[in-house]
PDB file of N, CA and C in Angstrom:
ATOM      1  N   ALA A   1      58.643 -38.319  98.331  1.00  0.00           N
ATOM      2  CA  ALA A   1      57.115 -38.380  97.872  1.00  0.00           C
ATOM      3  C   ALA A   1      57.216 -38.475  96.354  1.00  0.00           C
ATOM      4  N   ALA A   2      58.088 -37.789  95.862  1.00  0.00           N
ATOM      5  CA  ALA A   2      58.066 -37.747  94.244  1.00  0.00           C
ATOM      6  C   ALA A   2      58.493 -38.683  93.650  1.00  0.00           C
ATOM      7  N   ALA A   3      59.408 -39.744  94.160  1.00  0.00           N
ATOM      8  CA  ALA A   3      59.568 -41.065  93.361  1.00  0.00           C
ATOM      9  C   ALA A   3      58.616 -41.909  93.770  1.00  0.00           C
ATOM     10  N   GLY A   4      57.846 -41.484  94.957  1.00  0.00           N
ATOM     11  CA  GLY A   4      56.915 -42.678  95.273  1.00  0.00           C
ATOM     12  C   GLY A   4      55.609 -42.341  94.486  1.00  0.00           C
ATOM     13  N   GLY A   5      55.254 -41.363  93.756  1.00  0.00           N
ATOM     14  CA  GLY A   5      54.194 -40.886  93.004  1.00  0.00           C
ATOM     15  C   GLY A   5      52.898 -40.252  94.155  1.00  0.00           C
ATOM     16  N   GLN A   6      53.479 -39.711  95.143  1.00  0.00           N
ATOM     17  CA  GLN A   6      52.652 -39.145  96.303  1.00  0.00           C
ATOM     18  C   GLN A   6      52.287 -37.974  95.858  1.00  0.00           C
ATOM     19  N   ALA A   7      51.369 -37.422  95.128  1.00  0.00           N
ATOM     20  CA  ALA A   7      51.148 -36.179  94.702  1.00  0.00           C
ATOM     21  C   ALA A   7      50.356 -35.241  95.674  1.00  0.00           C
ATOM     22  N   ALA A   8      49.629 -35.778  96.211  1.00  0.00           N
ATOM     23  CA  ALA A   8      48.854 -34.940  97.425  1.00  0.00           C
ATOM     24  C   ALA A   8      49.825 -34.715  98.395  1.00  0.00           C
ATOM     25  N   VAL A   9      50.875 -35.579  98.729  1.00  0.00           N
ATOM     26  CA  VAL A   9      52.292 -35.132  99.871  1.00  0.00           C
ATOM     27  C   VAL A   9      52.888 -34.370  99.223  1.00  0.00           C
ATOM     28  N   VAL A  10      53.278 -34.630  97.845  1.00  0.00           N
ATOM     29  CA  VAL A  10      54.318 -33.439  97.071  1.00  0.00           C
ATOM     30  C   VAL A  10      53.758 -32.077  97.480  1.00  0.00           C
ATOM     31  N   LYS A  11      52.246 -31.931  97.206  1.00  0.00           N
ATOM     32  CA  LYS A  11      51.784 -30.625  96.967  1.00  0.00           C
ATOM     33  C   LYS A  11      51.677 -30.063  98.369  1.00  0.00           C
ATOM     34  N   LEU A  12      51.414 -30.770  99.154  1.00  0.00           N
ATOM     35  CA  LEU A  12      51.663 -30.296 100.814  1.00  0.00           C
ATOM     36  C   LEU A  12      52.939 -29.885 101.361  1.00  0.00           C
ATOM     37  N   LEU A  13      53.976 -30.888 100.811  1.00  0.00           N
ATOM     38  CA  LEU A  13      55.357 -30.295 101.215  1.00  0.00           C
ATOM     39  C   LEU A  13      55.898 -29.100 100.576  1.00  0.00           C
ATOM     40  N   LEU A  14      55.300 -28.984  99.312  1.00  0.00           N
ATOM     41  CA  LEU A  14      55.629 -27.690  98.517  1.00  0.00           C
ATOM     42  C   LEU A  14      54.891 -26.287  99.289  1.00  0.00           C
ATOM     43  N   GLU A  15      53.553 -26.763  99.573  1.00  0.00           N
ATOM     44  CA  GLU A  15      52.835 -25.619 100.253  1.00  0.00           C
ATOM     45  C   GLU A  15      53.589 -25.111 101.353  1.00  0.00           C
ATOM     46  N   LYS A  16      54.391 -26.131 102.160  1.00  0.00           N
ATOM     47  CA  LYS A  16      54.870 -25.635 103.330  1.00  0.00           C
ATOM     48  C   LYS A  16      56.230 -25.289 103.161  1.00  0.00           C
ATOM     49  N   GLY A  17      56.948 -24.926 101.934  1.00  0.00           N
ATOM     50  CA  GLY A  17      58.231 -24.540 101.653  1.00  0.00           C
ATOM     51  C   GLY A  17      59.304 -25.153 101.411  1.00  0.00           C
ATOM     52  N   ALA A  18      58.883 -26.633 101.192  1.00  0.00           N
ATOM     53  CA  ALA A  18      60.002 -27.792 100.318  1.00  0.00           C
ATOM     54  C   ALA A  18      60.498 -27.106  99.574  1.00  0.00           C
ATOM     55  N   ASN A  19      61.943 -27.493  99.501  1.00  0.00           N
ATOM     56  CA  ASN A  19      62.842 -26.935  98.134  1.00  0.00           C
ATOM     57  C   ASN A  19      62.614 -27.838  97.096  1.00  0.00           C
ATOM     58  N   LEU A  20      61.971 -27.112  96.099  1.00  0.00           N
ATOM     59  CA  LEU A  20      61.460 -27.764  94.766  1.00  0.00           C
ATOM     60  C   LEU A  20      62.676 -28.247  94.062  1.00  0.00           C
ATOM     61  N   GLU A  21      64.105 -27.809  94.322  1.00  0.00           N
ATOM     62  CA  GLU A  21      65.162 -28.460  93.260  1.00  0.00           C
ATOM     63  C   GLU A  21      65.980 -29.194  94.371  1.00  0.00           C
ATOM     64  N   ALA A  22      65.555 -29.427  95.443  1.00  0.00           N
ATOM     65  CA  ALA A  22      66.383 -30.595  96.536  1.00  0.00           C
ATOM     66  C   ALA A  22      66.777 -31.638  95.583  1.00  0.00           C
ATOM     67  N   LYS A  23      68.181 -32.251  95.836  1.00  0.00           N
ATOM     68  CA  LYS A  23      68.558 -33.153  95.055  1.00  0.00           C
ATOM     69  C   LYS A  23      69.214 -34.385  96.110  1.00  0.00           C
ATOM     70  N   ASP A  24      69.108 -35.701  95.546  1.00  0.00           N
ATOM     71  CA  ASP A  24      69.140 -36.670  96.457  1.00  0.00           C
ATOM     72  C   ASP A  24      70.894 -36.851  96.106  1.00  0.00           C
ATOM     73  N   ARG A  25      71.294 -38.040  96.769  1.00  0.00           N
ATOM     74  CA  ARG A  25      73.084 -37.996  96.669  1.00  0.00           C
ATOM     75  C   ARG A  25      73.374 -38.508  95.419  1.00  0.00           C
ATOM     76  N   LEU A  26      72.477 -38.651  94.261  1.00  0.00           N
ATOM     77  CA  LEU A  26      72.845 -38.836  92.967  1.00  0.00           C
ATOM     78  C   LEU A  26      72.717 -37.813  92.162  1.00  0.00           C
ATOM     79  N   GLY A  27      72.265 -36.803  92.703  1.00  0.00           N
ATOM     80  CA  GLY A  27      72.243 -35.579  91.935  1.00  0.00           C
ATOM     81  C   GLY A  27      70.652 -35.396  91.376  1.00  0.00           C
ATOM     82  N   ARG A  28      69.693 -36.098  91.668  1.00  0.00           N
ATOM     83  CA  ARG A  28      68.361 -35.962  90.982  1.00  0.00           C
ATOM     84  C   ARG A  28      67.358 -35.189  91.801  1.00  0.00           C
ATOM     85  N   THR A  29      66.807 -34.488  91.377  1.00  0.00           N
ATOM     86  CA  THR A  29      65.620 -33.469  91.593  1.00  0.00           C
ATOM     87  C   THR A  29      64.325 -34.410  91.725  1.00  0.00           C
ATOM     88  N   PRO A  30      63.252 -33.837  92.474  1.00  0.00           N
ATOM     89  CA  PRO A  30      62.011 -34.458  92.398  1.00  0.00           C
ATOM     90  C   PRO A  30      61.342 -34.683  91.060  1.00  0.00           C
ATOM     91  N   LEU A  31      61.544 -33.681  90.148  1.00  0.00           N
ATOM     92  CA  LEU A  31      60.929 -33.839  88.543  1.00  0.00           C
ATOM     93  C   LEU A  31      61.795 -35.036  88.056  1.00  0.00           C
ATOM     94  N   SER A  32      63.102 -35.331  88.542  1.00  0.00           N
ATOM     95  CA  SER A  32      63.913 -36.412  87.785  1.00  0.00           C
ATOM     96  C   SER A  32      63.179 -37.703  88.123  1.00  0.00           C
ATOM     97  N   GLN A  33      63.003 -37.672  89.556  1.00  0.00           N
ATOM     98  CA  GLN A  33      62.533 -38.755  90.050  1.00  0.00           C
ATOM     99  C   GLN A  33      61.187 -39.272  89.741  1.00  0.00           C
ATOM    100  N   ALA A  34      60.265 -38.200  89.595  1.00  0.00           N
ATOM    101  CA  ALA A  34      59.008 -38.324  89.184  1.00  0.00           C
ATOM    102  C   ALA A  34      58.997 -38.796  87.730  1.00  0.00           C
ATOM    103  N   ALA A  35      60.079 -38.416  86.772  1.00  0.00           N
ATOM    104  CA  ALA A  35      59.844 -38.477  85.536  1.00  0.00           C
ATOM    105  C   ALA A  35      60.435 -40.058  85.380  1.00  0.00           C
ATOM    106  N   ALA A  36      61.522 -40.438  86.214  1.00  0.00           N
ATOM    107  CA  ALA A  36      61.957 -41.804  86.130  1.00  0.00           C
ATOM    108  C   ALA A  36      61.066 -42.797  86.337  1.00  0.00           C
ATOM    109  N   ASN A  37      60.259 -42.696  87.182  1.00  0.00           N
ATOM    110  CA  ASN A  37      59.199 -43.548  87.760  1.00  0.00           C
ATOM    111  C   ASN A  37      57.791 -43.443  87.232  1.00  0.00           C
ATOM    112  N   GLY A  38      57.663 -42.431  86.333  1.00  0.00           N
ATOM    113  CA  GLY A  38      56.587 -42.537  85.412  1.00  0.00           C
ATOM    114  C   GLY A  38      55.272 -41.867  86.282  1.00  0.00           C
ATOM    115  N   HIS A  39      55.658 -41.015  87.190  1.00  0.00           N
ATOM    116  CA  HIS A  39      54.514 -40.069  87.944  1.00  0.00           C
ATOM    117  C   HIS A  39      54.156 -38.950  87.332  1.00  0.00           C
ATOM    118  N   GLU A  40      53.233 -39.213  86.323  1.00  0.00           N
ATOM    119  CA  GLU A  40      52.642 -37.912  85.520  1.00  0.00           C
ATOM    120  C   GLU A  40      52.315 -36.905  86.271  1.00  0.00           C
ATOM    121  N   ALA A  41      51.283 -37.225  87.460  1.00  0.00           N
ATOM    122  CA  ALA A  41      50.687 -35.875  88.168  1.00  0.00           C
ATOM    123  C   ALA A  41      51.655 -35.562  88.732  1.00  0.00           C
ATOM    124  N   VAL A  42      52.666 -36.137  89.543  1.00  0.00           N
ATOM    125  CA  VAL A  42      53.824 -35.469  90.433  1.00  0.00           C
ATOM    126  C   VAL A  42      54.468 -34.588  89.443  1.00  0.00           C
ATOM    127  N   ALA A  43      54.903 -35.038  88.319  1.00  0.00           N
ATOM    128  CA  ALA A  43      55.456 -34.152  87.462  1.00  0.00           C
ATOM    129  C   ALA A  43      55.139 -33.114  87.213  1.00  0.00           C
ATOM    130  N   LYS A  44      53.551 -33.127  86.632  1.00  0.00           N
ATOM    131  CA  LYS A  44      52.864 -32.103  86.554  1.00  0.00           C
ATOM    132  C   LYS A  44      52.758 -30.871  87.195  1.00  0.00           C
ATOM    133  N   LEU A  45      52.661 -31.234  88.583  1.00  0.00           N
ATOM    134  CA  LEU A  45      52.624 -30.825  89.515  1.00  0.00           C
ATOM    135  C   LEU A  45      53.682 -29.832  90.001  1.00  0.00           C
ATOM    136  N   LEU A  46      55.075 -30.511  89.658  1.00  0.00           N
ATOM    137  CA  LEU A  46      56.335 -29.963  90.161  1.00  0.00           C
ATOM    138  C   LEU A  46      56.510 -28.939  88.801  1.00  0.00           C
ATOM    139  N   LEU A  47      56.286 -29.215  87.798  1.00  0.00           N
ATOM    140  CA  LEU A  47      56.349 -28.408  86.563  1.00  0.00           C
ATOM    141  C   LEU A  47      55.587 -26.969  86.576  1.00  0.00           C
ATOM    142  N   ASP A  48      54.147 -27.303  87.169  1.00  0.00           N
ATOM    143  CA  ASP A  48      53.368 -26.223  87.478  1.00  0.00           C
ATOM    144  C   ASP A  48      54.294 -25.270  88.407  1.00  0.00           C
ATOM    145  N   LYS A  49      55.031 -25.733  89.416  1.00  0.00           N
ATOM    146  CA  LYS A  49      55.446 -24.878  90.568  1.00  0.00           C
ATOM    147  C   LYS A  49      56.987 -24.144  90.195  1.00  0.00           C
ATOM    148  N   GLY A  50      57.350 -24.974  88.707  1.00  0.00           N
ATOM    149  CA  GLY A  50      58.541 -24.188  88.370  1.00  0.00           C
ATOM    150  C   GLY A  50      59.918 -24.903  88.262  1.00  0.00           C
ATOM    151  N   ALA A  51      59.822 -26.217  88.474  1.00  0.00           N
ATOM    152  CA  ALA A  51      60.747 -26.956  88.399  1.00  0.00           C
ATOM    153  C   ALA A  51      61.527 -27.042  87.316  1.00  0.00           C
ATOM    154  N   ASP A  52      62.983 -27.084  87.450  1.00  0.00           N
ATOM    155  CA  ASP A  52      63.851 -26.839  86.412  1.00  0.00           C
ATOM    156  C   ASP A  52      63.926 -28.110  85.425  1.00  0.00           C
ATOM    157  N   LEU A  53      63.709 -27.555  84.267  1.00  0.00           N
ATOM    158  CA  LEU A  53      63.760 -28.718  83.404  1.00  0.00           C
ATOM    159  C   LEU A  53      64.895 -29.238  82.895  1.00  0.00           C
ATOM    160  N   GLU A  54      65.899 -28.561  83.176  1.00  0.00           N
ATOM    161  CA  GLU A  54      67.181 -28.629  82.546  1.00  0.00           C
ATOM    162  C   GLU A  54      68.126 -29.263  83.594  1.00  0.00           C
ATOM    163  N   ALA A  55      67.712 -29.459  84.785  1.00  0.00           N
ATOM    164  CA  ALA A  55      68.554 -29.773  86.160  1.00  0.00           C
ATOM    165  C   ALA A  55      69.132 -31.228  85.748  1.00  0.00           C
ATOM    166  N   GLU A  56      70.414 -31.204  86.001  1.00  0.00           N
ATOM    167  CA  GLU A  56      71.227 -32.448  85.749  1.00  0.00           C
ATOM    168  C   GLU A  56      71.621 -33.026  86.833  1.00  0.00           C
ATOM    169  N   ASP A  57      71.536 -34.486  86.826  1.00  0.00           N
ATOM    170  CA  ASP A  57      72.005 -35.260  87.956  1.00  0.00           C
ATOM    171  C   ASP A  57      73.845 -35.389  88.141  1.00  0.00           C
ATOM    172  N   SER A  58      74.023 -36.189  88.871  1.00  0.00           N
ATOM    173  CA  SER A  58      75.460 -36.288  88.907  1.00  0.00           C
ATOM    174  C   SER A  58      76.107 -37.131  87.516  1.00  0.00           C
ATOM    175  N   THR A  59      75.305 -37.914  87.005  1.00  0.00           N
ATOM    176  CA  THR A  59      75.484 -38.339  85.596  1.00  0.00           C
ATOM    177  C   THR A  59      75.431 -37.469  84.357  1.00  0.00           C
ATOM    178  N   GLY A  60      74.836 -36.236  84.736  1.00  0.00           N
ATOM    179  CA  GLY A  60      74.515 -35.531  83.622  1.00  0.00           C
ATOM    180  C   GLY A  60      73.150 -35.723  83.097  1.00  0.00           C
ATOM    181  N   GLN A  61      72.165 -36.563  83.385  1.00  0.00           N
ATOM    182  CA  GLN A  61      70.923 -36.746  83.073  1.00  0.00           C
ATOM    183  C   GLN A  61      70.025 -35.698  83.298  1.00  0.00           C
ATOM    184  N   THR A  62      68.877 -35.341  82.442  1.00  0.00           N
ATOM    185  CA  THR A  62      67.964 -34.436  82.757  1.00  0.00           C
ATOM    186  C   THR A  62      66.520 -35.144  83.055  1.00  0.00           C
ATOM    187  N   PRO A  63      65.807 -34.181  83.733  1.00  0.00           N
ATOM    188  CA  PRO A  63      64.147 -35.144  83.674  1.00  0.00           C
ATOM    189  C   PRO A  63      63.937 -35.612  82.103  1.00  0.00           C
ATOM    190  N   LEU A  64      64.054 -34.940  80.896  1.00  0.00           N
ATOM    191  CA  LEU A  64      63.605 -35.313  79.884  1.00  0.00           C
ATOM    192  C   LEU A  64      64.473 -36.817  79.512  1.00  0.00           C
ATOM    193  N   TRP A  65      65.642 -36.643  79.919  1.00  0.00           N
ATOM    194  CA  TRP A  65      66.136 -38.153  79.544  1.00  0.00           C
ATOM    195  C   TRP A  65      65.579 -39.260  80.106  1.00  0.00           C
ATOM    196  N   TRP A  66      65.264 -39.149  81.470  1.00  0.00           N
ATOM    197  CA  TRP A  66      64.644 -40.263  82.423  1.00  0.00           C
ATOM    198  C   TRP A  66      63.356 -40.234  82.031  1.00  0.00           C
ATOM    199  N   ALA A  67      62.528 -39.292  81.459  1.00  0.00           N
ATOM    200  CA  ALA A  67      61.139 -39.620  80.655  1.00  0.00           C
ATOM    201  C   ALA A  67      61.643 -40.609  79.605  1.00  0.00           C
ATOM    202  N   ALA A  68      62.253 -40.192  78.859  1.00  0.00           N
ATOM    203  CA  ALA A  68      62.685 -40.900  77.400  1.00  0.00           C
ATOM    204  C   ALA A  68      63.102 -42.301  78.052  1.00  0.00           C
ATOM    205  N   LYS A  69      63.783 -42.258  78.737  1.00  0.00           N
ATOM    206  CA  LYS A  69      64.501 -43.837  79.007  1.00  0.00           C
ATOM    207  C   LYS A  69      63.065 -44.671  79.349  1.00  0.00           C
ATOM    208  N   LEU A  70      62.422 -44.223  80.348  1.00  0.00           N
ATOM    209  CA  LEU A  70      60.900 -44.965  81.042  1.00  0.00           C
ATOM    210  C   LEU A  70      60.333 -45.227  79.742  1.00  0.00           C
ATOM    211  N   LEU A  71      59.942 -44.424  78.522  1.00  0.00           N
ATOM    212  CA  LEU A  71      59.054 -44.796  77.533  1.00  0.00           C
ATOM    213  C   LEU A  71      59.565 -45.816  76.836  1.00  0.00           C
ATOM    214  N   LEU A  72      60.651 -45.657  76.582  1.00  0.00           N
ATOM    215  CA  LEU A  72      61.700 -46.810  75.636  1.00  0.00           C
ATOM    216  C   LEU A  72      61.678 -48.239  76.533  1.00  0.00           C
ATOM    217  N   GLU A  73      61.685 -48.140  77.822  1.00  0.00           N
ATOM    218  CA  GLU A  73      61.733 -49.679  78.300  1.00  0.00           C
ATOM    219  C   GLU A  73      60.468 -50.075  78.450  1.00  0.00           C
ATOM    220  N   LYS A  74      59.411 -49.106  78.382  1.00  0.00           N
ATOM    221  CA  LYS A  74      57.858 -49.840  78.304  1.00  0.00           C
ATOM    222  C   LYS A  74      57.701 -50.085  76.713  1.00  0.00           C
ATOM    223  N   GLY A  75      58.585 -49.855  75.835  1.00  0.00           N
ATOM    224  CA  GLY A  75      58.359 -50.307  74.536  1.00  0.00           C
ATOM    225  C   GLY A  75      57.886 -49.213  73.491  1.00  0.00           C
ATOM    226  N   ALA A  76      58.048 -47.856  73.705  1.00  0.00           N
ATOM    227  CA  ALA A  76      58.059 -46.810  72.978  1.00  0.00           C
ATOM    228  C   ALA A  76      58.527 -46.953  71.615  1.00  0.00           C
ATOM    229  N   ASP A  77      58.087 -46.827  70.503  1.00  0.00           N
ATOM    230  CA  ASP A  77      58.652 -46.836  69.206  1.00  0.00           C
ATOM    231  C   ASP A  77      59.601 -45.757  68.855  1.00  0.00           C
ATOM    232  N   LEU A  78      60.719 -46.160  68.780  1.00  0.00           N
ATOM    233  CA  LEU A  78      61.847 -45.213  68.354  1.00  0.00           C
ATOM    234  C   LEU A  78      61.761 -44.674  67.079  1.00  0.00           C
ATOM    235  N   GLU A  79      60.979 -45.293  66.211  1.00  0.00           N
ATOM    236  CA  GLU A  79      61.085 -44.523  64.710  1.00  0.00           C
ATOM    237  C   GLU A  79      59.464 -44.015  64.607  1.00  0.00           C
ATOM    238  N   ALA A  80      58.503 -43.614  65.746  1.00  0.00           N
ATOM    239  CA  ALA A  80      57.180 -43.291  65.470  1.00  0.00           C
ATOM    240  C   ALA A  80      57.496 -41.565  64.840  1.00  0.00           C
ATOM    241  N   LYS A  81      56.598 -41.308  63.977  1.00  0.00           N
ATOM    242  CA  LYS A  81      56.568 -40.171  63.641  1.00  0.00           C
ATOM    243  C   LYS A  81      55.368 -39.288  63.637  1.00  0.00           C
ATOM    244  N   ASN A  82      55.827 -38.302  63.752  1.00  0.00           N
ATOM    245  CA  ASN A  82      54.524 -37.292  63.816  1.00  0.00           C
ATOM    246  C   ASN A  82      53.860 -36.606  62.563  1.00  0.00           C
ATOM    247  N   ARG A  83      52.709 -35.768  62.752  1.00  0.00           N
ATOM    248  CA  ARG A  83      52.196 -35.488  61.223  1.00  0.00           C
ATOM    249  C   ARG A  83      53.290 -34.674  60.326  1.00  0.00           C
ATOM    250  N   LEU A  84      54.367 -34.129  60.593  1.00  0.00           N
ATOM    251  CA  LEU A  84      55.287 -33.877  59.719  1.00  0.00           C
ATOM    252  C   LEU A  84      56.526 -34.651  59.459  1.00  0.00           C
ATOM    253  N   GLY A  85      56.303 -35.973  59.736  1.00  0.00           N
ATOM    254  CA  GLY A  85      57.241 -37.270  59.689  1.00  0.00           C
ATOM    255  C   GLY A  85      58.476 -37.055  60.579  1.00  0.00           C
ATOM    256  N   ARG A  86      58.475 -36.531  61.521  1.00  0.00           N
ATOM    257  CA  ARG A  86      59.642 -36.591  62.329  1.00  0.00           C
ATOM    258  C   ARG A  86      59.619 -37.362  63.404  1.00  0.00           C
ATOM    259  N   THR A  87      60.626 -37.984  63.636  1.00  0.00           N
ATOM    260  CA  THR A  87      60.832 -38.977  64.747  1.00  0.00           C
ATOM    261  C   THR A  87      61.659 -38.396  65.782  1.00  0.00           C
ATOM    262  N   PRO A  88      61.245 -39.240  66.943  1.00  0.00           N
ATOM    263  CA  PRO A  88      62.040 -38.818  68.090  1.00  0.00           C
ATOM    264  C   PRO A  88      63.392 -38.082  68.130  1.00  0.00           C
ATOM    265  N   LEU A  89      64.158 -38.775  67.624  1.00  0.00           N
ATOM    266  CA  LEU A  89      65.520 -38.752  67.267  1.00  0.00           C
ATOM    267  C   LEU A  89      65.836 -37.031  66.689  1.00  0.00           C
ATOM    268  N   SER A  90      64.721 -37.043  65.791  1.00  0.00           N
ATOM    269  CA  SER A  90      64.543 -35.584  64.922  1.00  0.00           C
ATOM    270  C   SER A  90      64.316 -34.210  65.859  1.00  0.00           C
ATOM    271  N   GLN A  91      63.290 -34.760  66.763  1.00  0.00           N
ATOM    272  CA  GLN A  91      63.018 -33.737  67.489  1.00  0.00           C
ATOM    273  C   GLN A  91      63.973 -33.330  68.198  1.00  0.00           C
ATOM    274  N   ALA A  92      64.430 -34.365  69.188  1.00  0.00           N
ATOM    275  CA  ALA A  92      65.654 -34.231  69.890  1.00  0.00           C
ATOM    276  C   ALA A  92      66.655 -33.546  69.619  1.00  0.00           C
ATOM    277  N   ALA A  93      67.110 -33.937  68.286  1.00  0.00           N
ATOM    278  CA  ALA A  93      68.141 -33.293  67.768  1.00  0.00           C
ATOM    279  C   ALA A  93      68.017 -32.040  67.378  1.00  0.00           C
ATOM    280  N   ALA A  94      66.749 -31.522  66.857  1.00  0.00           N
ATOM    281  CA  ALA A  94      66.467 -30.080  66.807  1.00  0.00           C
ATOM    282  C   ALA A  94      66.468 -29.235  67.917  1.00  0.00           C
ATOM    283  N   ASN A  95      65.886 -29.773  68.950  1.00  0.00           N
ATOM    284  CA  ASN A  95      65.966 -28.987  70.250  1.00  0.00           C
ATOM    285  C   ASN A  95      67.148 -28.908  70.751  1.00  0.00           C
ATOM    286  N   GLY A  96      68.233 -29.793  70.660  1.00  0.00           N
ATOM    287  CA  GLY A  96      69.321 -29.616  71.374  1.00  0.00           C
ATOM    288  C   GLY A  96      69.599 -30.495  72.457  1.00  0.00           C
ATOM    289  N   TYR A  97      68.744 -31.437  72.648  1.00  0.00           N
ATOM    290  CA  TYR A  97      68.709 -32.423  73.897  1.00  0.00           C
ATOM    291  C   TYR A  97      69.608 -33.541  73.615  1.00  0.00           C
ATOM    292  N   GLU A  98      70.948 -33.238  73.909  1.00  0.00           N
ATOM    293  CA  GLU A  98      72.269 -34.032  73.584  1.00  0.00           C
ATOM    294  C   GLU A  98      72.239 -35.247  74.386  1.00  0.00           C
ATOM    295  N   ALA A  99      71.664 -35.594  75.542  1.00  0.00           N
ATOM    296  CA  ALA A  99      71.395 -36.693  76.385  1.00  0.00           C
ATOM    297  C   ALA A  99      70.304 -37.681  75.837  1.00  0.00           C
ATOM    298  N   VAL A 100      69.127 -36.889  75.367  1.00  0.00           N
ATOM    299  CA  VAL A 100      68.400 -37.756  74.615  1.00  0.00           C
ATOM    300  C   VAL A 100      68.703 -38.509  73.596  1.00  0.00           C
ATOM    301  N   VAL A 101      69.365 -37.696  72.534  1.00  0.00           N
ATOM    302  CA  VAL A 101      69.951 -38.086  71.314  1.00  0.00           C
ATOM    303  C   VAL A 101      70.833 -39.216  71.466  1.00  0.00           C
ATOM    304  N   LYS A 102      71.594 -39.090  72.549  1.00  0.00           N
ATOM    305  CA  LYS A 102      72.699 -40.230  72.725  1.00  0.00           C
ATOM    306  C   LYS A 102      71.712 -41.278  73.296  1.00  0.00           C
ATOM    307  N   LEU A 103      70.874 -41.230  74.099  1.00  0.00           N
ATOM    308  CA  LEU A 103      69.834 -42.390  74.391  1.00  0.00           C
ATOM    309  C   LEU A 103      69.514 -43.127  73.467  1.00  0.00           C
ATOM    310  N   LEU A 104      68.959 -42.108  72.521  1.00  0.00           N
ATOM    311  CA  LEU A 104      67.969 -42.546  71.293  1.00  0.00           C
ATOM    312  C   LEU A 104      68.813 -43.441  70.321  1.00  0.00           C
ATOM    313  N   LEU A 105      70.067 -42.987  70.061  1.00  0.00           N
ATOM    314  CA  LEU A 105      71.085 -43.610  69.174  1.00  0.00           C
ATOM    315  C   LEU A 105      71.807 -44.999  69.710  1.00  0.00           C
ATOM    316  N   GLU A 106      71.817 -44.777  71.136  1.00  0.00           N
ATOM    317  CA  GLU A 106      72.194 -46.208  71.851  1.00  0.00           C
ATOM    318  C   GLU A 106      71.169 -47.292  71.568  1.00  0.00           C
ATOM    319  N   LYS A 107      69.863 -46.738  71.630  1.00  0.00           N
ATOM    320  CA  LYS A 107      68.739 -47.725  71.142  1.00  0.00           C
ATOM    321  C   LYS A 107      68.420 -48.380  69.822  1.00  0.00           C
ATOM    322  N   GLY A 108      69.229 -47.727  69.027  1.00  0.00           N
ATOM    323  CA  GLY A 108      69.247 -47.848  67.478  1.00  0.00           C
ATOM    324  C   GLY A 108      68.430 -47.111  66.801  1.00  0.00           C
ATOM    325  N   ALA A 109      67.968 -45.902  67.055  1.00  0.00           N
ATOM    326  CA  ALA A 109      67.357 -44.984  66.300  1.00  0.00           C
ATOM    327  C   ALA A 109      67.963 -44.557  64.778  1.00  0.00           C
ATOM    328  N   ASP A 110      67.425 -44.721  64.042  1.00  0.00           N
ATOM    329  CA  ASP A 110      67.630 -44.358  62.390  1.00  0.00           C
ATOM    330  C   ASP A 110      68.211 -42.966  62.135  1.00  0.00           C
ATOM    331  N   LEU A 111      69.317 -42.877  61.913  1.00  0.00           N
ATOM    332  CA  LEU A 111      70.072 -41.583  61.925  1.00  0.00           C
ATOM    333  C   LEU A 111      69.634 -40.747  60.378  1.00  0.00           C
ATOM    334  N   GLU A 112      69.131 -41.661  59.625  1.00  0.00           N
ATOM    335  CA  GLU A 112      68.732 -41.097  58.102  1.00  0.00           C
ATOM    336  C   GLU A 112      67.476 -41.088  57.930  1.00  0.00           C
ATOM    337  N   ALA A 113      66.612 -40.966  59.125  1.00  0.00           N
ATOM    338  CA  ALA A 113      64.817 -40.689  58.934  1.00  0.00           C
ATOM    339  C   ALA A 113      64.746 -39.419  58.440  1.00  0.00           C
ATOM    340  N   GLU A 114      64.047 -39.314  57.190  1.00  0.00           N
ATOM    341  CA  GLU A 114      63.488 -37.919  56.882  1.00  0.00           C
ATOM    342  C   GLU A 114      62.181 -37.705  57.115  1.00  0.00           C
ATOM    343  N   ASP A 115      61.953 -36.525  57.326  1.00  0.00           N
ATOM    344  CA  ASP A 115      60.785 -36.136  57.556  1.00  0.00           C
ATOM    345  C   ASP A 115      60.056 -35.866  56.281  1.00  0.00           C
ATOM    346  N   SER A 116      58.940 -34.906  56.419  1.00  0.00           N
ATOM    347  CA  SER A 116      58.064 -34.822  55.112  1.00  0.00           C
ATOM    348  C   SER A 116      59.016 -33.630  54.254  1.00  0.00           C
ATOM    349  N   THR A 117      59.501 -33.115  54.883  1.00  0.00           N
ATOM    350  CA  THR A 117      60.715 -31.922  54.030  1.00  0.00           C
ATOM    351  C   THR A 117      61.938 -32.390  53.564  1.00  0.00           C
ATOM    352  N   GLY A 118      62.187 -33.981  53.876  1.00  0.00           N
ATOM    353  CA  GLY A 118      63.380 -34.425  53.445  1.00  0.00           C
ATOM    354  C   GLY A 118      64.442 -34.070  54.167  1.00  0.00           C
ATOM    355  N   GLN A 119      64.290 -33.529  55.441  1.00  0.00           N
ATOM    356  CA  GLN A 119      65.496 -33.265  56.318  1.00  0.00           C
ATOM    357  C   GLN A 119      65.596 -34.626  57.545  1.00  0.00           C
ATOM    358  N   THR A 120      66.728 -34.668  57.610  1.00  0.00           N
ATOM    359  CA  THR A 120      67.416 -35.996  58.576  1.00  0.00           C
ATOM    360  C   THR A 120      67.365 -35.205  59.699  1.00  0.00           C
ATOM    361  N   PRO A 121      67.743 -35.727  60.956  1.00  0.00           N
ATOM    362  CA  PRO A 121      67.911 -35.302  62.330  1.00  0.00           C
ATOM    363  C   PRO A 121      69.359 -34.508  62.106  1.00  0.00           C
ATOM    364  N   LEU A 122      70.132 -34.716  61.618  1.00  0.00           N
ATOM    365  CA  LEU A 122      71.655 -33.953  61.606  1.00  0.00           C
ATOM    366  C   LEU A 122      71.228 -32.677  60.723  1.00  0.00           C
ATOM    367  N   LEU A 123      70.377 -32.620  59.634  1.00  0.00           N
ATOM    368  CA  LEU A 123      70.049 -31.575  59.286  1.00  0.00           C
ATOM    369  C   LEU A 123      68.980 -30.407  59.936  1.00  0.00           C
ATOM    370  N   ARG A 124      68.441 -31.012  60.702  1.00  0.00           N
ATOM    371  CA  ARG A 124      67.551 -30.320  61.670  1.00  0.00           C
ATOM    372  C   ARG A 124      68.531 -29.755  62.800  1.00  0.00           C
ATOM    373  N   ALA A 125      69.319 -30.565  63.423  1.00  0.00           N
ATOM    374  CA  ALA A 125      70.105 -30.086  64.521  1.00  0.00           C
ATOM    375  C   ALA A 125      71.140 -29.034  63.977  1.00  0.00           C
ATOM    376  N   ALA A 126      71.544 -28.854  62.621  1.00  0.00           N
ATOM    377  CA  ALA A 126      72.460 -27.944  62.051  1.00  0.00           C
ATOM    378  C   ALA A 126      71.485 -26.584  61.991  1.00  0.00           C
TER     379      ALA A 126
END
């Protein structure tokens, strides 16, 4: 139901005791499935119920990695900056999201992009 975006069905299944952290044969949880398929309502429901944000699948990918991959596939700007001048790579590096950093680098993110204080992703990660 999570991969299909069926929020009402997901809610019902959880209310009846379905395992929030169940994994498919690839090790993906319902949250990873929802993130990979862009089902925001399902992801929010799972998060509200306490889904594990750091659950890794059989290849080491987390729900955040799947969400980032989906956004990049849909044309998200790798170099978009927030009000502090920080790029997605800078934020991922600072928060220790190794798989997301790797994905962003594979897609060509700028290693030397400086934020408003002159910090690069490396400086923020250190």
